[in-house]
C-alpha cells in the first residue's frame, strides 16, 4: 500500500469517526433534509452542521440538490447506502450485543 492509499483511508474513516457527521449520516439515512431540518433534529447550530456537511460532501458521502430556496442533502445512494447496509449486517453477526441498549 502506498502513502496515498493510507491518506485516502484516513480521510474516509475520519468522516465516520466524527460524532456530528455520524449523526448527520444517521438522519440522512432516514430521509433527505436541508440544513435547517438537520439543525432542528440534531439540536446543533447551523454553522457546525454546514461545516460538517461540507466535509461529507467533499468526500461524496452526501450529495446536495437545490430545491427552491433550500439545498437538500441526501446520502450517496450508489456507495454509502450499500456500505451502511453491509456495516449493519457485519455488526449483527460479528460485533456482539449492542453496548448502548
PDB file of N, CA and C in Angstrom:
ATOM      1  N   UNK A   1       0.831  -1.177   0.000  1.00  0.00           N
ATOM      2  CA  UNK A   1       0.000   0.000   0.000  1.00  0.00           C
ATOM      3  C   UNK A   1       0.882   1.249   0.000  1.00  0.00           C
ATOM      4  N   UNK A   2       0.550   2.201  -0.833  1.00  0.00           N
ATOM      5  CA  UNK A   2       1.359   3.420  -0.853  1.00  0.00           C
ATOM      6  C   UNK A   2       0.757   4.491   0.061  1.00  0.00           C
ATOM      7  N   UNK A   3       1.477   5.582   0.240  1.00  0.00           N
ATOM      8  CA  UNK A   3       1.054   6.620   1.190  1.00  0.00           C
ATOM      9  C   UNK A   3      -0.263   7.266   0.775  1.00  0.00           C
ATOM     10  N   UNK A   4      -0.558   7.354  -0.509  1.00  0.00           N
ATOM     11  CA  UNK A   4      -1.818   7.946  -0.965  1.00  0.00           C
ATOM     12  C   UNK A   4      -3.011   7.103  -0.515  1.00  0.00           C
ATOM     13  N   UNK A   5      -2.853   5.782  -0.526  1.00  0.00           N
ATOM     14  CA  UNK A   5      -3.930   4.915  -0.065  1.00  0.00           C
ATOM     15  C   UNK A   5      -4.173   5.111   1.427  1.00  0.00           C
ATOM     16  N   UNK A   6      -3.115   5.246   2.212  1.00  0.00           N
ATOM     17  CA  UNK A   6      -3.276   5.490   3.648  1.00  0.00           C
ATOM     18  C   UNK A   6      -4.022   6.801   3.879  1.00  0.00           C
ATOM     19  N   UNK A   7      -3.671   7.822   3.126  1.00  0.00           N
ATOM     20  CA  UNK A   7      -4.326   9.119   3.268  1.00  0.00           C
ATOM     21  C   UNK A   7      -5.803   9.016   2.899  1.00  0.00           C
ATOM     22  N   UNK A   8      -6.106   8.273   1.862  1.00  0.00           N
ATOM     23  CA  UNK A   8      -7.500   8.084   1.450  1.00  0.00           C
ATOM     24  C   UNK A   8      -8.289   7.383   2.544  1.00  0.00           C
ATOM     25  N   UNK A   9      -7.737   6.328   3.116  1.00  0.00           N
ATOM     26  CA  UNK A   9      -8.401   5.612   4.208  1.00  0.00           C
ATOM     27  C   UNK A   9      -8.600   6.535   5.400  1.00  0.00           C
ATOM     28  N   UNK A  10      -7.568   7.272   5.745  1.00  0.00           N
ATOM     29  CA  UNK A  10      -7.648   8.176   6.888  1.00  0.00           C
ATOM     30  C   UNK A  10      -8.755   9.210   6.677  1.00  0.00           C
ATOM     31  N   UNK A  11      -8.767   9.809   5.505  1.00  0.00           N
ATOM     32  CA  UNK A  11      -9.774  10.839   5.214  1.00  0.00           C
ATOM     33  C   UNK A  11     -11.181  10.251   5.265  1.00  0.00           C
ATOM     34  N   UNK A  12     -11.370   9.091   4.651  1.00  0.00           N
ATOM     35  CA  UNK A  12     -12.702   8.475   4.616  1.00  0.00           C
ATOM     36  C   UNK A  12     -13.161   8.075   6.021  1.00  0.00           C
ATOM     37  N   UNK A  13     -12.329   7.338   6.757  1.00  0.00           N
ATOM     38  CA  UNK A  13     -12.743   6.858   8.071  1.00  0.00           C
ATOM     39  C   UNK A  13     -12.800   7.971   9.107  1.00  0.00           C
ATOM     40  N   UNK A  14     -12.086   9.057   8.901  1.00  0.00           N
ATOM     41  CA  UNK A  14     -12.207  10.219   9.793  1.00  0.00           C
ATOM     42  C   UNK A  14     -13.618  10.785   9.732  1.00  0.00           C
ATOM     43  N   UNK A  15     -14.210  10.742   8.554  1.00  0.00           N
ATOM     44  CA  UNK A  15     -15.595  11.191   8.424  1.00  0.00           C
ATOM     45  C   UNK A  15     -16.525  10.342   9.270  1.00  0.00           C
ATOM     46  N   UNK A  16     -16.240   9.065   9.345  1.00  0.00           N
ATOM     47  CA  UNK A  16     -17.098   8.157  10.096  1.00  0.00           C
ATOM     48  C   UNK A  16     -16.759   8.121  11.582  1.00  0.00           C
ATOM     49  N   UNK A  17     -15.663   8.722  11.971  1.00  0.00           N
ATOM     50  CA  UNK A  17     -15.252   8.733  13.376  1.00  0.00           C
ATOM     51  C   UNK A  17     -15.694  10.005  14.099  1.00  0.00           C
ATOM     52  N   UNK A  18     -16.352  10.901  13.401  1.00  0.00           N
ATOM     53  CA  UNK A  18     -16.799  12.164  13.972  1.00  0.00           C
ATOM     54  C   UNK A  18     -18.270  12.044  14.363  1.00  0.00           C
ATOM     55  N   UNK A  19     -18.577  12.319  15.633  1.00  0.00           N
ATOM     56  CA  UNK A  19     -19.931  12.120  16.154  1.00  0.00           C
ATOM     57  C   UNK A  19     -20.976  12.935  15.394  1.00  0.00           C
ATOM     58  N   UNK A  20     -20.718  14.196  15.124  1.00  0.00           N
ATOM     59  CA  UNK A  20     -21.691  15.026  14.413  1.00  0.00           C
ATOM     60  C   UNK A  20     -21.926  14.488  13.003  1.00  0.00           C
ATOM     61  N   UNK A  21     -20.852  14.134  12.310  1.00  0.00           N
ATOM     62  CA  UNK A  21     -21.006  13.620  10.946  1.00  0.00           C
ATOM     63  C   UNK A  21     -21.763  12.299  10.938  1.00  0.00           C
ATOM     64  N   UNK A  22     -21.499  11.442  11.907  1.00  0.00           N
ATOM     65  CA  UNK A  22     -22.249  10.185  12.010  1.00  0.00           C
ATOM     66  C   UNK A  22     -23.721  10.473  12.273  1.00  0.00           C
ATOM     67  N   UNK A  23     -24.014  11.423  13.148  1.00  0.00           N
ATOM     68  CA  UNK A  23     -25.412  11.760  13.424  1.00  0.00           C
ATOM     69  C   UNK A  23     -26.100  12.314  12.178  1.00  0.00           C
ATOM     70  N   UNK A  24     -25.390  13.086  11.388  1.00  0.00           N
ATOM     71  CA  UNK A  24     -25.942  13.588  10.125  1.00  0.00           C
ATOM     72  C   UNK A  24     -26.218  12.413   9.190  1.00  0.00           C
ATOM     73  N   UNK A  25     -25.279  11.490   9.075  1.00  0.00           N
ATOM     74  CA  UNK A  25     -25.466  10.309   8.224  1.00  0.00           C
ATOM     75  C   UNK A  25     -26.684   9.509   8.678  1.00  0.00           C
ATOM     76  N   UNK A  26     -26.834   9.337   9.981  1.00  0.00           N
ATOM     77  CA  UNK A  26     -27.981   8.593  10.520  1.00  0.00           C
ATOM     78  C   UNK A  26     -29.292   9.274  10.138  1.00  0.00           C
ATOM     79  N   UNK A  27     -29.357  10.586  10.283  1.00  0.00           N
ATOM     80  CA  UNK A  27     -30.585  11.318   9.926  1.00  0.00           C
ATOM     81  C   UNK A  27     -30.847  11.273   8.426  1.00  0.00           C
ATOM     82  N   UNK A  28     -29.800  11.417   7.621  1.00  0.00           N
ATOM     83  CA  UNK A  28     -29.983  11.391   6.169  1.00  0.00           C
ATOM     84  C   UNK A  28     -30.302   9.988   5.661  1.00  0.00           C
ATOM     85  N   UNK A  29     -29.976   8.994   6.446  1.00  0.00           N
ATOM     86  CA  UNK A  29     -30.347   7.628   6.057  1.00  0.00           C
ATOM     87  C   UNK A  29     -31.865   7.468   6.118  1.00  0.00           C
ATOM     88  N   UNK A  30     -32.503   8.202   7.019  1.00  0.00           N
ATOM     89  CA  UNK A  30     -33.961   8.142   7.166  1.00  0.00           C
ATOM     90  C   UNK A  30     -34.666   8.896   6.041  1.00  0.00           C
ATOM     91  N   UNK A  31     -34.153  10.100   5.719  1.00  0.00           N
ATOM     92  CA  UNK A  31     -34.793  10.944   4.714  1.00  0.00           C
ATOM     93  C   UNK A  31     -33.857  12.077   4.307  1.00  0.00           C
ATOM     94  N   UNK A  32     -34.070  12.631   3.137  1.00  0.00           N
ATOM     95  CA  UNK A  32     -33.303  13.790   2.684  1.00  0.00           C
ATOM     96  C   UNK A  32     -33.744  15.011   3.494  1.00  0.00           C
ATOM     97  N   UNK A  33     -32.786  15.870   3.835  1.00  0.00           N
ATOM     98  CA  UNK A  33     -33.074  17.026   4.684  1.00  0.00           C
ATOM     99  C   UNK A  33     -32.266  18.240   4.253  1.00  0.00           C
ATOM    100  N   UNK A  34     -32.778  19.426   4.591  1.00  0.00           N
ATOM    101  CA  UNK A  34     -31.985  20.640   4.394  1.00  0.00           C
ATOM    102  C   UNK A  34     -31.255  20.963   5.700  1.00  0.00           C
ATOM    103  N   UNK A  35     -30.415  21.961   5.680  1.00  0.00           N
ATOM    104  CA  UNK A  35     -29.587  22.295   6.846  1.00  0.00           C
ATOM    105  C   UNK A  35     -30.447  22.626   8.058  1.00  0.00           C
ATOM    106  N   UNK A  36     -31.488  23.422   7.853  1.00  0.00           N
ATOM    107  CA  UNK A  36     -32.364  23.809   8.967  1.00  0.00           C
ATOM    108  C   UNK A  36     -33.014  22.608   9.627  1.00  0.00           C
ATOM    109  N   UNK A  37     -33.463  21.667   8.810  1.00  0.00           N
ATOM    110  CA  UNK A  37     -34.085  20.460   9.353  1.00  0.00           C
ATOM    111  C   UNK A  37     -33.073  19.629  10.129  1.00  0.00           C
ATOM    112  N   UNK A  38     -31.859  19.521   9.614  1.00  0.00           N
ATOM    113  CA  UNK A  38     -30.808  18.801  10.340  1.00  0.00           C
ATOM    114  C   UNK A  38     -30.495  19.489  11.664  1.00  0.00           C
ATOM    115  N   UNK A  39     -30.413  20.816  11.649  1.00  0.00           N
ATOM    116  CA  UNK A  39     -30.147  21.566  12.885  1.00  0.00           C
ATOM    117  C   UNK A  39     -31.220  21.278  13.929  1.00  0.00           C
ATOM    118  N   UNK A  40     -32.477  21.285  13.503  1.00  0.00           N
ATOM    119  CA  UNK A  40     -33.586  21.011  14.425  1.00  0.00           C
ATOM    120  C   UNK A  40     -33.517  19.594  14.979  1.00  0.00           C
ATOM    121  N   UNK A  41     -33.276  18.625  14.113  1.00  0.00           N
ATOM    122  CA  UNK A  41     -33.237  17.225  14.550  1.00  0.00           C
ATOM    123  C   UNK A  41     -32.055  16.941  15.479  1.00  0.00           C
ATOM    124  N   UNK A  42     -30.928  17.588  15.217  1.00  0.00           N
ATOM    125  CA  UNK A  42     -29.713  17.318  15.988  1.00  0.00           C
ATOM    126  C   UNK A  42     -29.489  18.314  17.117  1.00  0.00           C
ATOM    127  N   UNK A  43     -30.283  19.392  17.128  1.00  0.00           N
ATOM    128  CA  UNK A  43     -30.137  20.457  18.119  1.00  0.00           C
ATOM    129  C   UNK A  43     -28.702  21.000  18.127  1.00  0.00           C
ATOM    130  N   UNK A  44     -28.213  21.302  16.926  1.00  0.00           N
ATOM    131  CA  UNK A  44     -26.850  21.813  16.722  1.00  0.00           C
ATOM    132  C   UNK A  44     -26.959  23.095  15.910  1.00  0.00           C
ATOM    133  N   UNK A  45     -26.076  24.038  16.187  1.00  0.00           N
ATOM    134  CA  UNK A  45     -26.116  25.303  15.451  1.00  0.00           C
ATOM    135  C   UNK A  45     -25.779  25.113  13.974  1.00  0.00           C
ATOM    136  N   UNK A  46     -26.343  25.995  13.158  1.00  0.00           N
ATOM    137  CA  UNK A  46     -26.270  25.894  11.709  1.00  0.00           C
ATOM    138  C   UNK A  46     -24.847  25.887  11.179  1.00  0.00           C
ATOM    139  N   UNK A  47     -23.971  26.699  11.740  1.00  0.00           N
ATOM    140  CA  UNK A  47     -22.602  26.771  11.221  1.00  0.00           C
ATOM    141  C   UNK A  47     -21.872  25.430  11.370  1.00  0.00           C
ATOM    142  N   UNK A  48     -22.098  24.730  12.483  1.00  0.00           N
ATOM    143  CA  UNK A  48     -21.451  23.429  12.695  1.00  0.00           C
ATOM    144  C   UNK A  48     -21.998  22.375  11.741  1.00  0.00           C
ATOM    145  N   UNK A  49     -23.311  22.389  11.547  1.00  0.00           N
ATOM    146  CA  UNK A  49     -23.922  21.426  10.630  1.00  0.00           C
ATOM    147  C   UNK A  49     -23.447  21.696   9.202  1.00  0.00           C
ATOM    148  N   UNK A  50     -23.431  22.961   8.810  1.00  0.00           N
ATOM    149  CA  UNK A  50     -22.986  23.320   7.457  1.00  0.00           C
ATOM    150  C   UNK A  50     -21.537  22.907   7.221  1.00  0.00           C
ATOM    151  N   UNK A  51     -20.687  23.127   8.211  1.00  0.00           N
ATOM    152  CA  UNK A  51     -19.284  22.736   8.076  1.00  0.00           C
ATOM    153  C   UNK A  51     -19.163  21.215   7.922  1.00  0.00           C
ATOM    154  N   UNK A  52     -19.879  20.468   8.763  1.00  0.00           N
ATOM    155  CA  UNK A  52     -19.830  19.005   8.700  1.00  0.00           C
ATOM    156  C   UNK A  52     -20.353  18.506   7.352  1.00  0.00           C
ATOM    157  N   UNK A  53     -21.417  19.116   6.846  1.00  0.00           N
ATOM    158  CA  UNK A  53     -21.949  18.731   5.539  1.00  0.00           C
ATOM    159  C   UNK A  53     -20.938  19.007   4.431  1.00  0.00           C
ATOM    160  N   UNK A  54     -20.209  20.114   4.550  1.00  0.00           N
ATOM    161  CA  UNK A  54     -19.184  20.435   3.560  1.00  0.00           C
ATOM    162  C   UNK A  54     -18.102  19.371   3.496  1.00  0.00           C
ATOM    163  N   UNK A  55     -17.691  18.884   4.658  1.00  0.00           N
ATOM    164  CA  UNK A  55     -16.671  17.833   4.719  1.00  0.00           C
ATOM    165  C   UNK A  55     -17.214  16.533   4.121  1.00  0.00           C
ATOM    166  N   UNK A  56     -18.458  16.188   4.471  1.00  0.00           N
ATOM    167  CA  UNK A  56     -19.073  14.977   3.935  1.00  0.00           C
ATOM    168  C   UNK A  56     -19.284  15.079   2.424  1.00  0.00           C
ATOM    169  N   UNK A  57     -19.613  16.266   1.962  1.00  0.00           N
ATOM    170  CA  UNK A  57     -19.814  16.482   0.527  1.00  0.00           C
ATOM    171  C   UNK A  57     -18.497  16.351  -0.231  1.00  0.00           C
ATOM    172  N   UNK A  58     -17.424  16.851   0.363  1.00  0.00           N
ATOM    173  CA  UNK A  58     -16.113  16.794  -0.285  1.00  0.00           C
ATOM    174  C   UNK A  58     -15.680  15.349  -0.538  1.00  0.00           C
ATOM    175  N   UNK A  59     -16.117  14.445   0.314  1.00  0.00           N
ATOM    176  CA  UNK A  59     -15.765  13.025   0.180  1.00  0.00           C
ATOM    177  C   UNK A  59     -16.883  12.243  -0.530  1.00  0.00           C
ATOM    178  N   UNK A  60     -17.874  12.961  -1.063  1.00  0.00           N
ATOM    179  CA  UNK A  60     -19.018  12.356  -1.761  1.00  0.00           C
ATOM    180  C   UNK A  60     -19.801  11.363  -0.921  1.00  0.00           C
ATOM    181  N   UNK A  61     -19.824  11.601   0.379  1.00  0.00           N
ATOM    182  CA  UNK A  61     -20.665  10.804   1.266  1.00  0.00           C
ATOM    183  C   UNK A  61     -22.095  11.317   1.178  1.00  0.00           C
ATOM    184  N   UNK A  62     -22.240  12.629   1.015  1.00  0.00           N
ATOM    185  CA  UNK A  62     -23.554  13.230   0.797  1.00  0.00           C
ATOM    186  C   UNK A  62     -23.566  13.967  -0.533  1.00  0.00           C
ATOM    187  N   UNK A  63     -24.764  14.080  -1.078  1.00  0.00           N
ATOM    188  CA  UNK A  63     -24.996  14.881  -2.276  1.00  0.00           C
ATOM    189  C   UNK A  63     -25.937  16.018  -1.897  1.00  0.00           C
ATOM    190  N   UNK A  64     -25.882  17.098  -2.644  1.00  0.00           N
ATOM    191  CA  UNK A  64     -26.757  18.241  -2.387  1.00  0.00           C
ATOM    192  C   UNK A  64     -27.481  18.607  -3.670  1.00  0.00           C
ATOM    193  N   UNK A  65     -28.740  18.988  -3.509  1.00  0.00           N
ATOM    194  CA  UNK A  65     -29.562  19.395  -4.648  1.00  0.00           C
ATOM    195  C   UNK A  65     -30.348  20.640  -4.250  1.00  0.00           C
ATOM    196  N   UNK A  66     -30.364  21.621  -5.126  1.00  0.00           N
ATOM    197  CA  UNK A  66     -31.125  22.845  -4.886  1.00  0.00           C
ATOM    198  C   UNK A  66     -32.598  22.567  -5.160  1.00  0.00           C
ATOM    199  N   UNK A  67     -33.444  22.783  -4.150  1.00  0.00           N
ATOM    200  CA  UNK A  67     -34.894  22.621  -4.306  1.00  0.00           C
ATOM    201  C   UNK A  67     -35.562  23.891  -3.801  1.00  0.00           C
ATOM    202  N   UNK A  68     -35.913  24.758  -4.735  1.00  0.00           N
ATOM    203  CA  UNK A  68     -36.486  26.053  -4.352  1.00  0.00           C
ATOM    204  C   UNK A  68     -35.443  26.875  -3.626  1.00  0.00           C
ATOM    205  N   UNK A  69     -35.789  27.335  -2.431  1.00  0.00           N
ATOM    206  CA  UNK A  69     -34.877  28.152  -1.633  1.00  0.00           C
ATOM    207  C   UNK A  69     -33.880  27.315  -0.829  1.00  0.00           C
ATOM    208  N   UNK A  70     -34.090  26.013  -0.792  1.00  0.00           N
ATOM    209  CA  UNK A  70     -33.291  25.147   0.082  1.00  0.00           C
ATOM    210  C   UNK A  70     -32.332  24.254  -0.704  1.00  0.00           C
ATOM    211  N   UNK A  71     -31.232  23.960  -0.036  1.00  0.00           N
ATOM    212  CA  UNK A  71     -30.296  22.951  -0.523  1.00  0.00           C
ATOM    213  C   UNK A  71     -30.599  21.694   0.288  1.00  0.00           C
ATOM    214  N   UNK A  72     -31.008  20.651  -0.404  1.00  0.00           N
ATOM    215  CA  UNK A  72     -31.418  19.413   0.260  1.00  0.00           C
ATOM    216  C   UNK A  72     -30.302  18.383   0.135  1.00  0.00           C
ATOM    217  N   UNK A  73     -29.954  17.804   1.262  1.00  0.00           N
ATOM    218  CA  UNK A  73     -28.852  16.840   1.333  1.00  0.00           C
ATOM    219  C   UNK A  73     -29.397  15.421   1.383  1.00  0.00           C
ATOM    220  N   UNK A  74     -28.670  14.515   0.736  1.00  0.00           N
ATOM    221  CA  UNK A  74     -29.013  13.093   0.743  1.00  0.00           C
ATOM    222  C   UNK A  74     -27.719  12.288   0.782  1.00  0.00           C
ATOM    223  N   UNK A  75     -27.838  11.044   1.228  1.00  0.00           N
ATOM    224  CA  UNK A  75     -26.677  10.157   1.221  1.00  0.00           C
ATOM    225  C   UNK A  75     -26.388   9.693  -0.190  1.00  0.00           C
ATOM    226  N   UNK A  76     -25.138   9.398  -0.460  1.00  0.00           N
ATOM    227  CA  UNK A  76     -24.731   8.827  -1.731  1.00  0.00           C
ATOM    228  C   UNK A  76     -25.334   7.420  -1.802  1.00  0.00           C
ATOM    229  N   UNK A  77     -26.366   7.274  -2.629  1.00  0.00           N
ATOM    230  CA  UNK A  77     -27.092   6.006  -2.714  1.00  0.00           C
ATOM    231  C   UNK A  77     -26.321   4.921  -3.458  1.00  0.00           C
ATOM    232  N   UNK A  78     -25.362   5.316  -4.251  1.00  0.00           N
ATOM    233  CA  UNK A  78     -24.589   4.335  -5.037  1.00  0.00           C
ATOM    234  C   UNK A  78     -23.556   3.606  -4.176  1.00  0.00           C
ATOM    235  N   UNK A  79     -22.902   4.321  -3.260  1.00  0.00           N
ATOM    236  CA  UNK A  79     -21.832   3.694  -2.482  1.00  0.00           C
ATOM    237  C   UNK A  79     -22.078   3.689  -0.977  1.00  0.00           C
ATOM    238  N   UNK A  80     -22.543   4.790  -0.408  1.00  0.00           N
ATOM    239  CA  UNK A  80     -22.643   4.900   1.054  1.00  0.00           C
ATOM    240  C   UNK A  80     -23.796   4.077   1.610  1.00  0.00           C
ATOM    241  N   UNK A  81     -24.972   4.149   0.992  1.00  0.00           N
ATOM    242  CA  UNK A  81     -26.114   3.382   1.495  1.00  0.00           C
ATOM    243  C   UNK A  81     -25.810   1.887   1.491  1.00  0.00           C
ATOM    244  N   UNK A  82     -25.273   1.316   0.387  1.00  0.00           N
ATOM    245  CA  UNK A  82     -24.918  -0.113   0.438  1.00  0.00           C
ATOM    246  C   UNK A  82     -23.859  -0.425   1.503  1.00  0.00           C
ATOM    247  N   UNK A  83     -22.914   0.499   1.698  1.00  0.00           N
ATOM    248  CA  UNK A  83     -21.888   0.286   2.715  1.00  0.00           C
ATOM    249  C   UNK A  83     -22.513   0.262   4.111  1.00  0.00           C
ATOM    250  N   UNK A  84     -23.462   1.142   4.377  1.00  0.00           N
ATOM    251  CA  UNK A  84     -24.131   1.162   5.673  1.00  0.00           C
ATOM    252  C   UNK A  84     -24.896  -0.138   5.912  1.00  0.00           C
ATOM    253  N   UNK A  85     -25.507  -0.662   4.865  1.00  0.00           N
ATOM    254  CA  UNK A  85     -26.204  -1.949   4.990  1.00  0.00           C
ATOM    255  C   UNK A  85     -25.218  -3.062   5.315  1.00  0.00           C
ATOM    256  N   UNK A  86     -24.051  -3.035   4.698  1.00  0.00           N
ATOM    257  CA  UNK A  86     -23.017  -4.025   4.976  1.00  0.00           C
ATOM    258  C   UNK A  86     -22.513  -3.890   6.418  1.00  0.00           C
ATOM    259  N   UNK A  87     -22.345  -2.662   6.882  1.00  0.00           N
ATOM    260  CA  UNK A  87     -21.928  -2.427   8.271  1.00  0.00           C
ATOM    261  C   UNK A  87     -22.980  -2.978   9.227  1.00  0.00           C
ATOM    262  N   UNK A  88     -24.269  -2.745   8.935  1.00  0.00           N
ATOM    263  CA  UNK A  88     -25.344  -3.275   9.779  1.00  0.00           C
ATOM    264  C   UNK A  88     -25.276  -4.798   9.846  1.00  0.00           C
ATOM    265  N   UNK A  89     -25.097  -5.425   8.696  1.00  0.00           N
ATOM    266  CA  UNK A  89     -25.017  -6.884   8.637  1.00  0.00           C
ATOM    267  C   UNK A  89     -23.807  -7.386   9.427  1.00  0.00           C
ATOM    268  N   UNK A  90     -22.667  -6.749   9.216  1.00  0.00           N
ATOM    269  CA  UNK A  90     -21.456  -7.135   9.937  1.00  0.00           C
ATOM    270  C   UNK A  90     -21.659  -6.985  11.445  1.00  0.00           C
ATOM    271  N   UNK A  91     -22.218  -5.863  11.858  1.00  0.00           N
ATOM    272  CA  UNK A  91     -22.414  -5.603  13.285  1.00  0.00           C
ATOM    273  C   UNK A  91     -23.296  -6.647  13.943  1.00  0.00           C
ATOM    274  N   UNK A  92     -24.368  -7.032  13.251  1.00  0.00           N
ATOM    275  CA  UNK A  92     -25.300  -8.020  13.815  1.00  0.00           C
ATOM    276  C   UNK A  92     -24.653  -9.383  13.982  1.00  0.00           C
ATOM    277  N   UNK A  93     -23.746  -9.742  13.080  1.00  0.00           N
ATOM    278  CA  UNK A  93     -23.172 -11.087  13.122  1.00  0.00           C
ATOM    279  C   UNK A  93     -21.783 -11.144  13.753  1.00  0.00           C
ATOM    280  N   UNK A  94     -21.070 -10.031  13.808  1.00  0.00           N
ATOM    281  CA  UNK A  94     -19.674 -10.065  14.229  1.00  0.00           C
ATOM    282  C   UNK A  94     -19.336  -9.245  15.472  1.00  0.00           C
ATOM    283  N   UNK A  95     -20.175  -8.314  15.837  1.00  0.00           N
ATOM    284  CA  UNK A  95     -19.793  -7.378  16.906  1.00  0.00           C
ATOM    285  C   UNK A  95     -20.444  -7.654  18.254  1.00  0.00           C
ATOM    286  N   UNK A  96     -21.248  -8.656  18.352  1.00  0.00           N
ATOM    287  CA  UNK A  96     -21.890  -8.970  19.627  1.00  0.00           C
ATOM    288  C   UNK A  96     -23.030  -8.016  19.942  1.00  0.00           C
ATOM    289  N   UNK A  97     -23.481  -8.073  21.185  1.00  0.00           N
ATOM    290  CA  UNK A  97     -24.610  -7.270  21.618  1.00  0.00           C
ATOM    291  C   UNK A  97     -24.256  -5.790  21.679  1.00  0.00           C
ATOM    292  N   UNK A  98     -25.211  -4.956  21.327  1.00  0.00           N
ATOM    293  CA  UNK A  98     -25.018  -3.510  21.343  1.00  0.00           C
ATOM    294  C   UNK A  98     -24.824  -3.029  22.778  1.00  0.00           C
ATOM    295  N   UNK A  99     -23.726  -2.339  23.069  1.00  0.00           N
ATOM    296  CA  UNK A  99     -23.486  -1.845  24.428  1.00  0.00           C
ATOM    297  C   UNK A  99     -24.345  -0.644  24.797  1.00  0.00           C
ATOM    298  N   UNK A 100     -25.105  -0.091  23.846  1.00  0.00           N
ATOM    299  CA  UNK A 100     -25.889   1.120  24.077  1.00  0.00           C
ATOM    300  C   UNK A 100     -27.331   0.842  24.406  1.00  0.00           C
ATOM    301  N   UNK A 101     -27.693  -0.435  24.588  1.00  0.00           N
ATOM    302  CA  UNK A 101     -29.089  -0.788  24.925  1.00  0.00           C
ATOM    303  C   UNK A 101     -29.395  -0.419  26.340  1.00  0.00           C
TER     304      UNK A 101
END
